[in-house]
Amino acid sequence: MDSLDSRILDLLREDGRASYHELGQKIGLSASAVKRRVDRMTEDGVIRGFTVLTDPEAVGHGTEAYVELFCRGIVGPNELRRILTGIPEVIEATTVTGQADALVTLRAKDTRHLELALEKVRSPQQVDSTRSAIVLSRLIERRGQ
């Protein structure tokens, strides 16, 4: 990656729908040169995909919570992934250091829906307990960087 690739990525983060022509005009390259660079960055795994970001409240999922997950015994990442993949309210899950085994982000319609989602997270026998915090305000969000 060079400085032009970095600039293309910055512009795509600002407007993922920008055309190759628009991007090229901003950095002094032809549309075909920009396309070749984007294709190469995609093939190399620098760009992992293209997506649409929605406002959770606008689509009816305005309640969000961070859940620390504590397991019984040793449960590996693949097993945790298997357990959590089947729960649609789980929008992100990571293994972490510290007392918890994983940190899970849930998104739900309201607190009742959140409670049902938490029950799904707690139900597998490998899960010992959870500790939750409901998000009140999102102060900074830098997804995709």
C-alpha atoms as a PDB file:
ATOM      1  CA  MET A   1       0.000   0.000   0.000  1.00  0.00           C
ATOM      2  CA  ASP A   2       1.156   3.480  -0.794  1.00  0.00           C
ATOM      3  CA  SER A   3      -0.170   6.965  -0.065  1.00  0.00           C
ATOM      4  CA  LEU A   4      -2.604   6.833  -3.026  1.00  0.00           C
ATOM      5  CA  ASP A   5      -4.088   3.574  -1.726  1.00  0.00           C
ATOM      6  CA  SER A   6      -4.464   5.156   1.727  1.00  0.00           C
ATOM      7  CA  ARG A   7      -6.183   8.178   0.202  1.00  0.00           C
ATOM      8  CA  ILE A   8      -8.576   5.930  -1.761  1.00  0.00           C
ATOM      9  CA  LEU A   9      -9.461   4.116   1.463  1.00  0.00           C
ATOM     10  CA  ASP A  10     -10.059   7.424   3.263  1.00  0.00           C
ATOM     11  CA  LEU A  11     -12.360   8.611   0.471  1.00  0.00           C
ATOM     12  CA  LEU A  12     -14.259   5.310   0.412  1.00  0.00           C
ATOM     13  CA  ARG A  13     -14.766   5.544   4.188  1.00  0.00           C
ATOM     14  CA  GLU A  14     -16.272   8.992   3.667  1.00  0.00           C
ATOM     15  CA  ASP A  15     -18.478   7.897   0.752  1.00  0.00           C
ATOM     16  CA  GLY A  16     -18.559   4.209  -0.087  1.00  0.00           C
ATOM     17  CA  ARG A  17     -20.761   4.944  -3.101  1.00  0.00           C
ATOM     18  CA  ALA A  18     -18.282   7.284  -4.802  1.00  0.00           C
ATOM     19  CA  SER A  19     -17.537   6.257  -8.371  1.00  0.00           C
ATOM     20  CA  TYR A  20     -14.052   5.397  -9.551  1.00  0.00           C
ATOM     21  CA  HIS A  21     -14.219   8.550 -11.664  1.00  0.00           C
ATOM     22  CA  GLU A  22     -15.025  10.730  -8.625  1.00  0.00           C
ATOM     23  CA  LEU A  23     -12.270   9.107  -6.580  1.00  0.00           C
ATOM     24  CA  GLY A  24      -9.787   9.537  -9.425  1.00  0.00           C
ATOM     25  CA  GLN A  25     -10.611  13.230  -9.791  1.00  0.00           C
ATOM     26  CA  LYS A  26      -9.878  13.804  -6.111  1.00  0.00           C
ATOM     27  CA  ILE A  27      -6.476  12.077  -6.147  1.00  0.00           C
ATOM     28  CA  GLY A  28      -5.318  12.684  -9.719  1.00  0.00           C
ATOM     29  CA  LEU A  29      -5.767   9.202 -11.212  1.00  0.00           C
ATOM     30  CA  SER A  30      -7.929   7.827 -13.995  1.00  0.00           C
ATOM     31  CA  ALA A  31     -11.038   5.848 -13.111  1.00  0.00           C
ATOM     32  CA  SER A  32      -9.427   2.667 -14.468  1.00  0.00           C
ATOM     33  CA  ALA A  33      -6.311   3.203 -12.312  1.00  0.00           C
ATOM     34  CA  VAL A  34      -8.492   3.656  -9.220  1.00  0.00           C
ATOM     35  CA  LYS A  35     -10.463   0.500 -10.099  1.00  0.00           C
ATOM     36  CA  ARG A  36      -7.234  -1.519 -10.469  1.00  0.00           C
ATOM     37  CA  ARG A  37      -6.073  -0.299  -7.052  1.00  0.00           C
ATOM     38  CA  VAL A  38      -9.416  -1.064  -5.382  1.00  0.00           C
ATOM     39  CA  ASP A  39      -9.472  -4.519  -7.028  1.00  0.00           C
ATOM     40  CA  ARG A  40      -5.907  -5.219  -5.819  1.00  0.00           C
ATOM     41  CA  MET A  41      -6.688  -4.063  -2.272  1.00  0.00           C
ATOM     42  CA  THR A  42      -9.771  -6.303  -2.301  1.00  0.00           C
ATOM     43  CA  GLU A  43      -7.776  -9.306  -3.553  1.00  0.00           C
ATOM     44  CA  ASP A  44      -5.058  -8.643  -0.953  1.00  0.00           C
ATOM     45  CA  GLY A  45      -7.640  -8.516   1.844  1.00  0.00           C
ATOM     46  CA  VAL A  46      -7.035  -4.858   2.681  1.00  0.00           C
ATOM     47  CA  ILE A  47     -10.640  -4.173   1.695  1.00  0.00           C
ATOM     48  CA  ARG A  48     -12.684  -6.951   3.271  1.00  0.00           C
ATOM     49  CA  GLY A  49     -16.019  -6.016   1.782  1.00  0.00           C
ATOM     50  CA  PHE A  50     -18.520  -3.357   0.909  1.00  0.00           C
ATOM     51  CA  THR A  51     -21.580  -2.772   3.028  1.00  0.00           C
ATOM     52  CA  VAL A  52     -24.369  -0.429   3.927  1.00  0.00           C
ATOM     53  CA  LEU A  53     -24.484   1.082   7.414  1.00  0.00           C
ATOM     54  CA  THR A  54     -27.924   1.659   8.853  1.00  0.00           C
ATOM     55  CA  ASP A  55     -29.162   3.668  11.789  1.00  0.00           C
ATOM     56  CA  PRO A  56     -30.200   0.997  14.326  1.00  0.00           C
ATOM     57  CA  GLU A  57     -33.028   3.154  15.674  1.00  0.00           C
ATOM     58  CA  ALA A  58     -34.382   3.819  12.188  1.00  0.00           C
ATOM     59  CA  VAL A  59     -34.635   0.057  11.532  1.00  0.00           C
ATOM     60  CA  GLY A  60     -36.217  -0.653  14.910  1.00  0.00           C
ATOM     61  CA  HIS A  61     -33.222  -1.909  16.903  1.00  0.00           C
ATOM     62  CA  GLY A  62     -32.346   1.059  19.095  1.00  0.00           C
ATOM     63  CA  THR A  63     -31.463  -0.825  22.279  1.00  0.00           C
ATOM     64  CA  GLU A  64     -27.848  -1.926  22.498  1.00  0.00           C
ATOM     65  CA  ALA A  65     -25.908  -3.670  25.246  1.00  0.00           C
ATOM     66  CA  TYR A  66     -22.395  -4.890  25.915  1.00  0.00           C
ATOM     67  CA  VAL A  67     -22.351  -8.295  27.564  1.00  0.00           C
ATOM     68  CA  GLU A  68     -19.405  -9.897  29.299  1.00  0.00           C
ATOM     69  CA  LEU A  69     -19.670 -13.661  28.860  1.00  0.00           C
ATOM     70  CA  PHE A  70     -18.228 -16.019  31.476  1.00  0.00           C
ATOM     71  CA  CYS A  71     -17.869 -19.697  30.557  1.00  0.00           C
ATOM     72  CA  ARG A  72     -17.656 -22.923  32.538  1.00  0.00           C
ATOM     73  CA  GLY A  73     -14.233 -24.438  32.076  1.00  0.00           C
ATOM     74  CA  ILE A  74     -12.268 -23.809  28.916  1.00  0.00           C
ATOM     75  CA  VAL A  75     -14.328 -22.920  25.860  1.00  0.00           C
ATOM     76  CA  GLY A  76     -12.379 -22.134  22.697  1.00  0.00           C
ATOM     77  CA  PRO A  77     -13.078 -19.341  20.217  1.00  0.00           C
ATOM     78  CA  ASN A  78     -14.544 -21.706  17.616  1.00  0.00           C
ATOM     79  CA  GLU A  79     -17.062 -23.055  20.128  1.00  0.00           C
ATOM     80  CA  LEU A  80     -18.009 -19.540  21.239  1.00  0.00           C
ATOM     81  CA  ARG A  81     -18.438 -18.532  17.589  1.00  0.00           C
ATOM     82  CA  ARG A  82     -20.699 -21.540  17.017  1.00  0.00           C
ATOM     83  CA  ILE A  83     -22.811 -20.713  20.073  1.00  0.00           C
ATOM     84  CA  LEU A  84     -23.211 -17.012  19.269  1.00  0.00           C
ATOM     85  CA  THR A  85     -23.641 -17.201  15.487  1.00  0.00           C
ATOM     86  CA  GLY A  86     -27.157 -18.564  15.855  1.00  0.00           C
ATOM     87  CA  ILE A  87     -28.344 -15.549  17.874  1.00  0.00           C
ATOM     88  CA  PRO A  88     -29.384 -12.798  15.440  1.00  0.00           C
ATOM     89  CA  GLU A  89     -29.254 -10.071  18.098  1.00  0.00           C
ATOM     90  CA  VAL A  90     -25.483 -10.627  18.446  1.00  0.00           C
ATOM     91  CA  ILE A  91     -23.891  -8.033  16.185  1.00  0.00           C
ATOM     92  CA  GLU A  92     -20.307  -8.477  17.386  1.00  0.00           C
ATOM     93  CA  ALA A  93     -18.413 -10.884  19.614  1.00  0.00           C
ATOM     94  CA  THR A  94     -14.755 -11.034  20.601  1.00  0.00           C
ATOM     95  CA  THR A  95     -12.623 -13.046  22.966  1.00  0.00           C
ATOM     96  CA  VAL A  96     -10.924 -10.821  25.524  1.00  0.00           C
ATOM     97  CA  THR A  97      -8.341 -10.821  28.278  1.00  0.00           C
ATOM     98  CA  GLY A  98      -9.365 -10.427  31.904  1.00  0.00           C
ATOM     99  CA  GLN A  99     -12.046 -12.233  33.859  1.00  0.00           C
ATOM    100  CA  ALA A 100     -14.611 -12.514  31.061  1.00  0.00           C
ATOM    101  CA  ASP A 101     -14.110 -15.026  28.259  1.00  0.00           C
ATOM    102  CA  ALA A 102     -15.825 -12.910  25.613  1.00  0.00           C
ATOM    103  CA  LEU A 103     -17.408  -9.544  25.035  1.00  0.00           C
ATOM    104  CA  VAL A 104     -20.649  -9.595  23.069  1.00  0.00           C
ATOM    105  CA  THR A 105     -22.570  -6.675  21.588  1.00  0.00           C
ATOM    106  CA  LEU A 106     -26.326  -7.182  21.352  1.00  0.00           C
ATOM    107  CA  ARG A 107     -28.843  -5.041  19.510  1.00  0.00           C
ATOM    108  CA  ALA A 108     -32.584  -5.329  20.151  1.00  0.00           C
ATOM    109  CA  LYS A 109     -35.897  -3.526  19.622  1.00  0.00           C
ATOM    110  CA  ASP A 110     -36.407  -2.687  23.287  1.00  0.00           C
ATOM    111  CA  THR A 111     -35.482  -3.904  26.765  1.00  0.00           C
ATOM    112  CA  ARG A 112     -37.925  -6.839  26.606  1.00  0.00           C
ATOM    113  CA  HIS A 113     -36.347  -7.998  23.336  1.00  0.00           C
ATOM    114  CA  LEU A 114     -32.913  -7.475  24.906  1.00  0.00           C
ATOM    115  CA  GLU A 115     -33.916  -9.647  27.858  1.00  0.00           C
ATOM    116  CA  LEU A 116     -34.973 -12.448  25.486  1.00  0.00           C
ATOM    117  CA  ALA A 117     -31.669 -12.137  23.609  1.00  0.00           C
ATOM    118  CA  LEU A 118     -29.748 -12.353  26.898  1.00  0.00           C
ATOM    119  CA  GLU A 119     -31.639 -15.551  27.722  1.00  0.00           C
ATOM    120  CA  LYS A 120     -30.467 -17.003  24.403  1.00  0.00           C
ATOM    121  CA  VAL A 121     -26.868 -16.036  25.194  1.00  0.00           C
ATOM    122  CA  ARG A 122     -27.080 -17.574  28.683  1.00  0.00           C
ATOM    123  CA  SER A 123     -28.839 -20.807  27.679  1.00  0.00           C
ATOM    124  CA  PRO A 124     -25.923 -22.936  26.350  1.00  0.00           C
ATOM    125  CA  GLN A 125     -24.445 -25.195  29.025  1.00  0.00           C
ATOM    126  CA  GLN A 126     -20.968 -23.757  28.392  1.00  0.00           C
ATOM    127  CA  VAL A 127     -22.112 -20.317  29.591  1.00  0.00           C
ATOM    128  CA  ASP A 128     -21.817 -19.809  33.334  1.00  0.00           C
ATOM    129  CA  SER A 129     -22.960 -16.188  33.622  1.00  0.00           C
ATOM    130  CA  THR A 130     -23.097 -12.797  31.952  1.00  0.00           C
ATOM    131  CA  ARG A 131     -22.698  -9.188  33.044  1.00  0.00           C
ATOM    132  CA  SER A 132     -24.442  -6.541  30.939  1.00  0.00           C
ATOM    133  CA  ALA A 133     -24.317  -2.805  30.368  1.00  0.00           C
ATOM    134  CA  ILE A 134     -26.963  -1.061  28.267  1.00  0.00           C
ATOM    135  CA  VAL A 135     -25.655   1.663  25.970  1.00  0.00           C
ATOM    136  CA  LEU A 136     -27.147   5.086  26.750  1.00  0.00           C
ATOM    137  CA  SER A 137     -25.342   7.350  24.251  1.00  0.00           C
ATOM    138  CA  ARG A 138     -22.896   6.627  21.443  1.00  0.00           C
ATOM    139  CA  LEU A 139     -20.188   9.271  21.701  1.00  0.00           C
ATOM    140  CA  ILE A 140     -17.705   8.188  19.001  1.00  0.00           C
ATOM    141  CA  GLU A 141     -18.032   5.518  16.345  1.00  0.00           C
ATOM    142  CA  ARG A 142     -15.203   4.778  13.928  1.00  0.00           C
ATOM    143  CA  ARG A 143     -16.305   1.577  12.247  1.00  0.00           C
ATOM    144  CA  GLY A 144     -14.285   0.349   9.278  1.00  0.00           C
ATOM    145  CA  GLN A 145     -11.034   2.035  10.217  1.00  0.00           C
END
